[in-house]
mmCIF file of all heavy atoms, coordinates in Angstrom:
data_MODEL
# 
_entry.id   MODEL 
# 
loop_
_atom_site.group_PDB 
_atom_site.id 
_atom_site.type_symbol 
_atom_site.label_atom_id 
_atom_site.label_alt_id 
_atom_site.label_comp_id 
_atom_site.label_asym_id 
_atom_site.label_entity_id 
_atom_site.label_seq_id 
_atom_site.pdbx_PDB_ins_code 
_atom_site.Cartn_x 
_atom_site.Cartn_y 
_atom_site.Cartn_z 
_atom_site.occupancy 
_atom_site.B_iso_or_equiv 
_atom_site.pdbx_formal_charge 
_atom_site.auth_seq_id 
_atom_site.auth_comp_id 
_atom_site.auth_asym_id 
_atom_site.auth_atom_id 
_atom_site.pdbx_PDB_model_num 
ATOM 1   N N   . THR A 1 1  ? 27.543 -49.084 35.722 1.00 0.00 ? 1  THR A N   1 
ATOM 2   C CA  . THR A 1 1  ? 26.641 -47.944 35.745 1.00 0.00 ? 1  THR A CA  1 
ATOM 3   C C   . THR A 1 1  ? 25.861 -47.915 34.440 1.00 0.00 ? 1  THR A C   1 
ATOM 4   O O   . THR A 1 1  ? 26.437 -47.775 33.366 1.00 0.00 ? 1  THR A O   1 
ATOM 5   C CB  . THR A 1 1  ? 27.406 -46.620 35.910 1.00 0.00 ? 1  THR A CB  1 
ATOM 6   O OG1 . THR A 1 1  ? 28.126 -46.661 37.139 1.00 0.00 ? 1  THR A OG1 1 
ATOM 7   C CG2 . THR A 1 1  ? 26.441 -45.447 35.939 1.00 0.00 ? 1  THR A CG2 1 
ATOM 8   N N   . GLY A 1 2  ? 24.557 -48.109 34.544 1.00 0.00 ? 2  GLY A N   1 
ATOM 9   C CA  . GLY A 1 2  ? 23.719 -48.117 33.352 1.00 0.00 ? 2  GLY A CA  1 
ATOM 10  C C   . GLY A 1 2  ? 23.025 -46.786 33.166 1.00 0.00 ? 2  GLY A C   1 
ATOM 11  O O   . GLY A 1 2  ? 23.281 -45.815 33.894 1.00 0.00 ? 2  GLY A O   1 
ATOM 12  N N   . PRO A 1 3  ? 22.158 -46.703 32.169 1.00 0.00 ? 3  PRO A N   1 
ATOM 13  C CA  . PRO A 1 3  ? 21.390 -45.470 31.955 1.00 0.00 ? 3  PRO A CA  1 
ATOM 14  C C   . PRO A 1 3  ? 20.610 -45.082 33.211 1.00 0.00 ? 3  PRO A C   1 
ATOM 15  O O   . PRO A 1 3  ? 20.163 -45.938 33.975 1.00 0.00 ? 3  PRO A O   1 
ATOM 16  C CB  . PRO A 1 3  ? 20.441 -45.851 30.812 1.00 0.00 ? 3  PRO A CB  1 
ATOM 17  C CG  . PRO A 1 3  ? 21.109 -46.989 30.129 1.00 0.00 ? 3  PRO A CG  1 
ATOM 18  C CD  . PRO A 1 3  ? 21.841 -47.741 31.200 1.00 0.00 ? 3  PRO A CD  1 
ATOM 19  N N   . ARG A 1 4  ? 20.496 -43.797 33.436 1.00 0.00 ? 4  ARG A N   1 
ATOM 20  C CA  . ARG A 1 4  ? 19.783 -43.307 34.620 1.00 0.00 ? 4  ARG A CA  1 
ATOM 21  C C   . ARG A 1 4  ? 18.282 -43.359 34.341 1.00 0.00 ? 4  ARG A C   1 
ATOM 22  O O   . ARG A 1 4  ? 17.762 -42.603 33.524 1.00 0.00 ? 4  ARG A O   1 
ATOM 23  C CB  . ARG A 1 4  ? 20.199 -41.871 34.928 1.00 0.00 ? 4  ARG A CB  1 
ATOM 24  C CG  . ARG A 1 4  ? 21.702 -41.677 35.027 1.00 0.00 ? 4  ARG A CG  1 
ATOM 25  C CD  . ARG A 1 4  ? 22.293 -42.366 36.248 1.00 0.00 ? 4  ARG A CD  1 
ATOM 26  N NE  . ARG A 1 4  ? 23.712 -42.064 36.369 1.00 0.00 ? 4  ARG A NE  1 
ATOM 27  C CZ  . ARG A 1 4  ? 24.484 -42.511 37.359 1.00 0.00 ? 4  ARG A CZ  1 
ATOM 28  N NH1 . ARG A 1 4  ? 23.983 -43.260 38.304 1.00 0.00 ? 4  ARG A NH1 1 
ATOM 29  N NH2 . ARG A 1 4  ? 25.758 -42.190 37.399 1.00 0.00 ? 4  ARG A NH2 1 
ATOM 30  N N   . LYS A 1 5  ? 17.583 -44.274 35.012 1.00 0.00 ? 5  LYS A N   1 
ATOM 31  C CA  . LYS A 1 5  ? 16.174 -44.508 34.713 1.00 0.00 ? 5  LYS A CA  1 
ATOM 32  C C   . LYS A 1 5  ? 15.230 -44.101 35.832 1.00 0.00 ? 5  LYS A C   1 
ATOM 33  O O   . LYS A 1 5  ? 14.015 -44.266 35.707 1.00 0.00 ? 5  LYS A O   1 
ATOM 34  C CB  . LYS A 1 5  ? 15.953 -46.001 34.403 1.00 0.00 ? 5  LYS A CB  1 
ATOM 35  C CG  . LYS A 1 5  ? 16.722 -46.498 33.182 1.00 0.00 ? 5  LYS A CG  1 
ATOM 36  C CD  . LYS A 1 5  ? 16.264 -45.812 31.910 1.00 0.00 ? 5  LYS A CD  1 
ATOM 37  C CE  . LYS A 1 5  ? 16.964 -46.389 30.690 1.00 0.00 ? 5  LYS A CE  1 
ATOM 38  N NZ  . LYS A 1 5  ? 16.573 -45.690 29.450 1.00 0.00 ? 5  LYS A NZ  1 
ATOM 39  N N   . LEU A 1 6  ? 15.750 -43.590 36.932 1.00 0.00 ? 6  LEU A N   1 
ATOM 40  C CA  . LEU A 1 6  ? 14.861 -43.297 38.053 1.00 0.00 ? 6  LEU A CA  1 
ATOM 41  C C   . LEU A 1 6  ? 13.846 -42.207 37.719 1.00 0.00 ? 6  LEU A C   1 
ATOM 42  O O   . LEU A 1 6  ? 12.749 -42.175 38.291 1.00 0.00 ? 6  LEU A O   1 
ATOM 43  C CB  . LEU A 1 6  ? 15.678 -42.893 39.284 1.00 0.00 ? 6  LEU A CB  1 
ATOM 44  C CG  . LEU A 1 6  ? 16.536 -44.007 39.905 1.00 0.00 ? 6  LEU A CG  1 
ATOM 45  C CD1 . LEU A 1 6  ? 17.234 -43.490 41.145 1.00 0.00 ? 6  LEU A CD1 1 
ATOM 46  C CD2 . LEU A 1 6  ? 15.689 -45.225 40.234 1.00 0.00 ? 6  LEU A CD2 1 
ATOM 47  N N   . GLY A 1 7  ? 14.182 -41.329 36.790 1.00 0.00 ? 7  GLY A N   1 
ATOM 48  C CA  . GLY A 1 7  ? 13.216 -40.308 36.396 1.00 0.00 ? 7  GLY A CA  1 
ATOM 49  C C   . GLY A 1 7  ? 11.941 -40.893 35.831 1.00 0.00 ? 7  GLY A C   1 
ATOM 50  O O   . GLY A 1 7  ? 10.857 -40.301 35.969 1.00 0.00 ? 7  GLY A O   1 
ATOM 51  N N   . THR A 1 8  ? 12.052 -42.088 35.220 1.00 0.00 ? 8  THR A N   1 
ATOM 52  C CA  . THR A 1 8  ? 10.861 -42.762 34.699 1.00 0.00 ? 8  THR A CA  1 
ATOM 53  C C   . THR A 1 8  ? 9.869  -43.056 35.817 1.00 0.00 ? 8  THR A C   1 
ATOM 54  O O   . THR A 1 8  ? 8.651  -42.992 35.619 1.00 0.00 ? 8  THR A O   1 
ATOM 55  C CB  . THR A 1 8  ? 11.266 -44.079 34.008 1.00 0.00 ? 8  THR A CB  1 
ATOM 56  O OG1 . THR A 1 8  ? 12.197 -43.796 32.969 1.00 0.00 ? 8  THR A OG1 1 
ATOM 57  C CG2 . THR A 1 8  ? 10.055 -44.786 33.427 1.00 0.00 ? 8  THR A CG2 1 
ATOM 58  N N   . LEU A 1 9  ? 10.387 -43.378 36.993 1.00 0.00 ? 9  LEU A N   1 
ATOM 59  C CA  . LEU A 1 9  ? 9.500  -43.722 38.114 1.00 0.00 ? 9  LEU A CA  1 
ATOM 60  C C   . LEU A 1 9  ? 8.663  -42.521 38.531 1.00 0.00 ? 9  LEU A C   1 
ATOM 61  O O   . LEU A 1 9  ? 7.514  -42.675 38.975 1.00 0.00 ? 9  LEU A O   1 
ATOM 62  C CB  . LEU A 1 9  ? 10.322 -44.225 39.296 1.00 0.00 ? 9  LEU A CB  1 
ATOM 63  C CG  . LEU A 1 9  ? 11.270 -45.394 39.034 1.00 0.00 ? 9  LEU A CG  1 
ATOM 64  C CD1 . LEU A 1 9  ? 11.942 -45.817 40.328 1.00 0.00 ? 9  LEU A CD1 1 
ATOM 65  C CD2 . LEU A 1 9  ? 10.541 -46.561 38.400 1.00 0.00 ? 9  LEU A CD2 1 
ATOM 66  N N   . ILE A 1 10 ? 9.223  -41.330 38.404 1.00 0.00 ? 10 ILE A N   1 
ATOM 67  C CA  . ILE A 1 10 ? 8.464  -40.121 38.739 1.00 0.00 ? 10 ILE A CA  1 
ATOM 68  C C   . ILE A 1 10 ? 7.349  -39.907 37.724 1.00 0.00 ? 10 ILE A C   1 
ATOM 69  O O   . ILE A 1 10 ? 6.180  -39.735 38.070 1.00 0.00 ? 10 ILE A O   1 
ATOM 70  C CB  . ILE A 1 10 ? 9.394  -38.897 38.768 1.00 0.00 ? 10 ILE A CB  1 
ATOM 71  C CG1 . ILE A 1 10 ? 10.529 -39.103 39.785 1.00 0.00 ? 10 ILE A CG1 1 
ATOM 72  C CG2 . ILE A 1 10 ? 8.596  -37.636 39.086 1.00 0.00 ? 10 ILE A CG2 1 
ATOM 73  C CD1 . ILE A 1 10 ? 11.606 -38.053 39.712 1.00 0.00 ? 10 ILE A CD1 1 
ATOM 74  N N   . GLU A 1 11 ? 7.743  -39.941 36.466 1.00 0.00 ? 11 GLU A N   1 
ATOM 75  C CA  . GLU A 1 11 ? 6.784  -39.701 35.394 1.00 0.00 ? 11 GLU A CA  1 
ATOM 76  C C   . GLU A 1 11 ? 5.637  -40.705 35.417 1.00 0.00 ? 11 GLU A C   1 
ATOM 77  O O   . GLU A 1 11 ? 4.467  -40.341 35.248 1.00 0.00 ? 11 GLU A O   1 
ATOM 78  C CB  . GLU A 1 11 ? 7.506  -39.769 34.048 1.00 0.00 ? 11 GLU A CB  1 
ATOM 79  C CG  . GLU A 1 11 ? 6.597  -39.642 32.838 1.00 0.00 ? 11 GLU A CG  1 
ATOM 80  C CD  . GLU A 1 11 ? 7.329  -39.955 31.551 1.00 0.00 ? 11 GLU A CD  1 
ATOM 81  O OE1 . GLU A 1 11 ? 8.571  -40.132 31.580 1.00 0.00 ? 11 GLU A OE1 1 
ATOM 82  O OE2 . GLU A 1 11 ? 6.648  -40.041 30.513 1.00 0.00 ? 11 GLU A OE2 1 
ATOM 83  N N   . LYS A 1 12 ? 5.973  -41.984 35.647 1.00 0.00 ? 12 LYS A N   1 
ATOM 84  C CA  . LYS A 1 12 ? 4.965  -43.040 35.585 1.00 0.00 ? 12 LYS A CA  1 
ATOM 85  C C   . LYS A 1 12 ? 4.370  -43.385 36.942 1.00 0.00 ? 12 LYS A C   1 
ATOM 86  O O   . LYS A 1 12 ? 3.514  -44.261 37.043 1.00 0.00 ? 12 LYS A O   1 
ATOM 87  C CB  . LYS A 1 12 ? 5.584  -44.294 34.966 1.00 0.00 ? 12 LYS A CB  1 
ATOM 88  C CG  . LYS A 1 12 ? 6.101  -44.088 33.551 1.00 0.00 ? 12 LYS A CG  1 
ATOM 89  C CD  . LYS A 1 12 ? 4.987  -43.666 32.600 1.00 0.00 ? 12 LYS A CD  1 
ATOM 90  C CE  . LYS A 1 12 ? 5.506  -43.533 31.176 1.00 0.00 ? 12 LYS A CE  1 
ATOM 91  N NZ  . LYS A 1 12 ? 4.430  -43.112 30.241 1.00 0.00 ? 12 LYS A NZ  1 
ATOM 92  N N   . ARG A 1 13 ? 4.821  -42.700 37.974 1.00 0.00 ? 13 ARG A N   1 
ATOM 93  C CA  . ARG A 1 13 ? 4.350  -43.008 39.339 1.00 0.00 ? 13 ARG A CA  1 
ATOM 94  C C   . ARG A 1 13 ? 4.476  -44.508 39.625 1.00 0.00 ? 13 ARG A C   1 
ATOM 95  O O   . ARG A 1 13 ? 3.585  -45.140 40.193 1.00 0.00 ? 13 ARG A O   1 
ATOM 96  C CB  . ARG A 1 13 ? 2.914  -42.549 39.570 1.00 0.00 ? 13 ARG A CB  1 
ATOM 97  C CG  . ARG A 1 13 ? 2.781  -41.083 39.896 1.00 0.00 ? 13 ARG A CG  1 
ATOM 98  C CD  . ARG A 1 13 ? 2.882  -40.197 38.671 1.00 0.00 ? 13 ARG A CD  1 
ATOM 99  N NE  . ARG A 1 13 ? 1.549  -39.810 38.176 1.00 0.00 ? 13 ARG A NE  1 
ATOM 100 C CZ  . ARG A 1 13 ? 1.338  -39.293 36.969 1.00 0.00 ? 13 ARG A CZ  1 
ATOM 101 N NH1 . ARG A 1 13 ? 2.355  -39.112 36.131 1.00 0.00 ? 13 ARG A NH1 1 
ATOM 102 N NH2 . ARG A 1 13 ? 0.130  -38.943 36.601 1.00 0.00 ? 13 ARG A NH2 1 
ATOM 103 N N   . ALA A 1 14 ? 5.608  -45.057 39.203 1.00 0.00 ? 14 ALA A N   1 
ATOM 104 C CA  . ALA A 1 14 ? 5.840  -46.488 39.338 1.00 0.00 ? 14 ALA A CA  1 
ATOM 105 C C   . ALA A 1 14 ? 6.484  -46.806 40.685 1.00 0.00 ? 14 ALA A C   1 
ATOM 106 O O   . ALA A 1 14 ? 7.134  -45.962 41.299 1.00 0.00 ? 14 ALA A O   1 
ATOM 107 C CB  . ALA A 1 14 ? 6.738  -46.981 38.209 1.00 0.00 ? 14 ALA A CB  1 
ATOM 108 N N   . SER A 1 15 ? 6.327  -48.031 41.117 1.00 0.00 ? 15 SER A N   1 
ATOM 109 C CA  . SER A 1 15 ? 6.933  -48.478 42.370 1.00 0.00 ? 15 SER A CA  1 
ATOM 110 C C   . SER A 1 15 ? 7.861  -49.650 42.087 1.00 0.00 ? 15 SER A C   1 
ATOM 111 O O   . SER A 1 15 ? 7.589  -50.482 41.217 1.00 0.00 ? 15 SER A O   1 
ATOM 112 C CB  . SER A 1 15 ? 5.864  -48.895 43.381 1.00 0.00 ? 15 SER A CB  1 
ATOM 113 O OG  . SER A 1 15 ? 5.075  -49.962 42.884 1.00 0.00 ? 15 SER A OG  1 
ATOM 114 N N   . VAL A 1 16 ? 8.976  -49.689 42.815 1.00 0.00 ? 16 VAL A N   1 
ATOM 115 C CA  . VAL A 1 16 ? 9.965  -50.752 42.683 1.00 0.00 ? 16 VAL A CA  1 
ATOM 116 C C   . VAL A 1 16 ? 10.200 -51.341 44.063 1.00 0.00 ? 16 VAL A C   1 
ATOM 117 O O   . VAL A 1 16 ? 10.450 -50.605 45.022 1.00 0.00 ? 16 VAL A O   1 
ATOM 118 C CB  . VAL A 1 16 ? 11.290 -50.226 42.108 1.00 0.00 ? 16 VAL A CB  1 
ATOM 119 C CG1 . VAL A 1 16 ? 12.302 -51.357 41.978 1.00 0.00 ? 16 VAL A CG1 1 
ATOM 120 C CG2 . VAL A 1 16 ? 11.069 -49.551 40.761 1.00 0.00 ? 16 VAL A CG2 1 
ATOM 121 N N   . GLU A 1 17 ? 10.122 -52.666 44.162 1.00 0.00 ? 17 GLU A N   1 
ATOM 122 C CA  . GLU A 1 17 ? 10.311 -53.314 45.466 1.00 0.00 ? 17 GLU A CA  1 
ATOM 123 C C   . GLU A 1 17 ? 11.106 -54.596 45.298 1.00 0.00 ? 17 GLU A C   1 
ATOM 124 O O   . GLU A 1 17 ? 10.762 -55.461 44.495 1.00 0.00 ? 17 GLU A O   1 
ATOM 125 C CB  . GLU A 1 17 ? 8.961  -53.624 46.109 1.00 0.00 ? 17 GLU A CB  1 
ATOM 126 C CG  . GLU A 1 17 ? 9.080  -54.210 47.510 1.00 0.00 ? 17 GLU A CG  1 
ATOM 127 C CD  . GLU A 1 17 ? 7.733  -54.382 48.199 1.00 0.00 ? 17 GLU A CD  1 
ATOM 128 O OE1 . GLU A 1 17 ? 6.708  -53.938 47.639 1.00 0.00 ? 17 GLU A OE1 1 
ATOM 129 O OE2 . GLU A 1 17 ? 7.708  -54.963 49.302 1.00 0.00 ? 17 GLU A OE2 1 
ATOM 130 N N   . GLY A 1 18 ? 12.180 -54.694 46.053 1.00 0.00 ? 18 GLY A N   1 
ATOM 131 C CA  . GLY A 1 18 ? 12.912 -55.946 46.125 1.00 0.00 ? 18 GLY A CA  1 
ATOM 132 C C   . GLY A 1 18 ? 12.337 -56.824 47.218 1.00 0.00 ? 18 GLY A C   1 
ATOM 133 O O   . GLY A 1 18 ? 11.701 -56.334 48.159 1.00 0.00 ? 18 GLY A O   1 
ATOM 134 N N   . PHE A 1 19 ? 12.556 -58.124 47.103 1.00 0.00 ? 19 PHE A N   1 
ATOM 135 C CA  . PHE A 1 19 ? 11.997 -59.034 48.113 1.00 0.00 ? 19 PHE A CA  1 
ATOM 136 C C   . PHE A 1 19 ? 12.828 -60.299 48.204 1.00 0.00 ? 19 PHE A C   1 
ATOM 137 O O   . PHE A 1 19 ? 13.558 -60.653 47.282 1.00 0.00 ? 19 PHE A O   1 
ATOM 138 C CB  . PHE A 1 19 ? 10.545 -59.388 47.773 1.00 0.00 ? 19 PHE A CB  1 
ATOM 139 C CG  . PHE A 1 19 ? 10.385 -60.316 46.592 1.00 0.00 ? 19 PHE A CG  1 
ATOM 140 C CD1 . PHE A 1 19 ? 10.188 -61.675 46.773 1.00 0.00 ? 19 PHE A CD1 1 
ATOM 141 C CD2 . PHE A 1 19 ? 10.443 -59.827 45.288 1.00 0.00 ? 19 PHE A CD2 1 
ATOM 142 C CE1 . PHE A 1 19 ? 10.062 -62.527 45.696 1.00 0.00 ? 19 PHE A CE1 1 
ATOM 143 C CE2 . PHE A 1 19 ? 10.307 -60.669 44.200 1.00 0.00 ? 19 PHE A CE2 1 
ATOM 144 C CZ  . PHE A 1 19 ? 10.111 -62.028 44.403 1.00 0.00 ? 19 PHE A CZ  1 
ATOM 145 N N   . LEU A 1 20 ? 12.712 -60.964 49.342 1.00 0.00 ? 20 LEU A N   1 
ATOM 146 C CA  . LEU A 1 20 ? 13.287 -62.285 49.565 1.00 0.00 ? 20 LEU A CA  1 
ATOM 147 C C   . LEU A 1 20 ? 12.157 -63.236 49.924 1.00 0.00 ? 20 LEU A C   1 
ATOM 148 O O   . LEU A 1 20 ? 11.249 -62.877 50.693 1.00 0.00 ? 20 LEU A O   1 
ATOM 149 C CB  . LEU A 1 20 ? 14.301 -62.254 50.709 1.00 0.00 ? 20 LEU A CB  1 
ATOM 150 C CG  . LEU A 1 20 ? 15.550 -61.401 50.510 1.00 0.00 ? 20 LEU A CG  1 
ATOM 151 C CD1 . LEU A 1 20 ? 16.375 -61.397 51.799 1.00 0.00 ? 20 LEU A CD1 1 
ATOM 152 C CD2 . LEU A 1 20 ? 16.382 -61.929 49.350 1.00 0.00 ? 20 LEU A CD2 1 
ATOM 153 N N   . VAL A 1 21 ? 12.220 -64.440 49.404 1.00 0.00 ? 21 VAL A N   1 
ATOM 154 C CA  . VAL A 1 21 ? 11.155 -65.397 49.705 1.00 0.00 ? 21 VAL A CA  1 
ATOM 155 C C   . VAL A 1 21 ? 11.103 -65.699 51.198 1.00 0.00 ? 21 VAL A C   1 
ATOM 156 O O   . VAL A 1 21 ? 10.034 -66.001 51.755 1.00 0.00 ? 21 VAL A O   1 
ATOM 157 C CB  . VAL A 1 21 ? 11.346 -66.681 48.877 1.00 0.00 ? 21 VAL A CB  1 
ATOM 158 C CG1 . VAL A 1 21 ? 12.591 -67.443 49.308 1.00 0.00 ? 21 VAL A CG1 1 
ATOM 159 C CG2 . VAL A 1 21 ? 10.106 -67.564 48.956 1.00 0.00 ? 21 VAL A CG2 1 
ATOM 160 N N   . SER A 1 22 ? 12.244 -65.590 51.880 1.00 0.00 ? 22 SER A N   1 
ATOM 161 C CA  . SER A 1 22 ? 12.266 -65.875 53.317 1.00 0.00 ? 22 SER A CA  1 
ATOM 162 C C   . SER A 1 22 ? 11.385 -64.907 54.112 1.00 0.00 ? 22 SER A C   1 
ATOM 163 O O   . SER A 1 22 ? 10.982 -65.212 55.239 1.00 0.00 ? 22 SER A O   1 
ATOM 164 C CB  . SER A 1 22 ? 13.693 -65.828 53.847 1.00 0.00 ? 22 SER A CB  1 
ATOM 165 O OG  . SER A 1 22 ? 14.305 -64.574 53.566 1.00 0.00 ? 22 SER A OG  1 
ATOM 166 N N   . ASP A 1 23 ? 11.080 -63.737 53.530 1.00 0.00 ? 23 ASP A N   1 
ATOM 167 C CA  . ASP A 1 23 ? 10.191 -62.792 54.201 1.00 0.00 ? 23 ASP A CA  1 
ATOM 168 C C   . ASP A 1 23 ? 8.817  -63.411 54.454 1.00 0.00 ? 23 ASP A C   1 
ATOM 169 O O   . ASP A 1 23 ? 8.086  -62.969 55.347 1.00 0.00 ? 23 ASP A O   1 
ATOM 170 C CB  . ASP A 1 23 ? 10.009 -61.527 53.356 1.00 0.00 ? 23 ASP A CB  1 
ATOM 171 C CG  . ASP A 1 23 ? 11.307 -60.765 53.142 1.00 0.00 ? 23 ASP A CG  1 
ATOM 172 O OD1 . ASP A 1 23 ? 12.248 -60.961 53.937 1.00 0.00 ? 23 ASP A OD1 1 
ATOM 173 O OD2 . ASP A 1 23 ? 11.374 -59.979 52.172 1.00 0.00 ? 23 ASP A OD2 1 
ATOM 174 N N   . PHE A 1 24 ? 8.468  -64.417 53.648 1.00 0.00 ? 24 PHE A N   1 
ATOM 175 C CA  . PHE A 1 24 ? 7.129  -65.000 53.704 1.00 0.00 ? 24 PHE A CA  1 
ATOM 176 C C   . PHE A 1 24 ? 7.127  -66.385 54.343 1.00 0.00 ? 24 PHE A C   1 
ATOM 177 O O   . PHE A 1 24 ? 6.181  -67.154 54.182 1.00 0.00 ? 24 PHE A O   1 
ATOM 178 C CB  . PHE A 1 24 ? 6.554  -65.086 52.284 1.00 0.00 ? 24 PHE A CB  1 
ATOM 179 C CG  . PHE A 1 24 ? 6.425  -63.756 51.604 1.00 0.00 ? 24 PHE A CG  1 
ATOM 180 C CD1 . PHE A 1 24 ? 7.437  -63.276 50.787 1.00 0.00 ? 24 PHE A CD1 1 
ATOM 181 C CD2 . PHE A 1 24 ? 5.301  -62.966 51.792 1.00 0.00 ? 24 PHE A CD2 1 
ATOM 182 C CE1 . PHE A 1 24 ? 7.330  -62.036 50.163 1.00 0.00 ? 24 PHE A CE1 1 
ATOM 183 C CE2 . PHE A 1 24 ? 5.184  -61.727 51.180 1.00 0.00 ? 24 PHE A CE2 1 
ATOM 184 C CZ  . PHE A 1 24 ? 6.202  -61.266 50.361 1.00 0.00 ? 24 PHE A CZ  1 
ATOM 185 N N   . GLN A 1 25 ? 8.188  -66.701 55.095 1.00 0.00 ? 25 GLN A N   1 
ATOM 186 C CA  . GLN A 1 25 ? 8.326  -68.045 55.664 1.00 0.00 ? 25 GLN A CA  1 
ATOM 187 C C   . GLN A 1 25 ? 7.098  -68.522 56.426 1.00 0.00 ? 25 GLN A C   1 
ATOM 188 O O   . GLN A 1 25 ? 6.723  -69.703 56.298 1.00 0.00 ? 25 GLN A O   1 
ATOM 189 C CB  . GLN A 1 25 ? 9.574  -68.079 56.554 1.00 0.00 ? 25 GLN A CB  1 
ATOM 190 C CG  . GLN A 1 25 ? 10.053 -69.473 56.901 1.00 0.00 ? 25 GLN A CG  1 
ATOM 191 C CD  . GLN A 1 25 ? 9.303  -70.074 58.080 1.00 0.00 ? 25 GLN A CD  1 
ATOM 192 O OE1 . GLN A 1 25 ? 8.808  -69.317 58.926 1.00 0.00 ? 25 GLN A OE1 1 
ATOM 193 N NE2 . GLN A 1 25 ? 9.205  -71.379 58.134 1.00 0.00 ? 25 GLN A NE2 1 
ATOM 194 N N   . PRO A 1 26 ? 6.403  -67.680 57.204 1.00 0.00 ? 26 PRO A N   1 
ATOM 195 C CA  . PRO A 1 26 ? 5.218  -68.184 57.907 1.00 0.00 ? 26 PRO A CA  1 
ATOM 196 C C   . PRO A 1 26 ? 4.101  -68.664 56.975 1.00 0.00 ? 26 PRO A C   1 
ATOM 197 O O   . PRO A 1 26 ? 3.201  -69.373 57.429 1.00 0.00 ? 26 PRO A O   1 
ATOM 198 C CB  . PRO A 1 26 ? 4.757  -66.958 58.725 1.00 0.00 ? 26 PRO A CB  1 
ATOM 199 C CG  . PRO A 1 26 ? 5.988  -66.127 58.891 1.00 0.00 ? 26 PRO A CG  1 
ATOM 200 C CD  . PRO A 1 26 ? 6.738  -66.296 57.612 1.00 0.00 ? 26 PRO A CD  1 
# 
């Protein structure tokens, strides 16, 4: 459990997205 950083996303209107290369197989 690290520092709670999700509040930064609100303040900065930031977006976080995970991805897998297999999503782009075509």
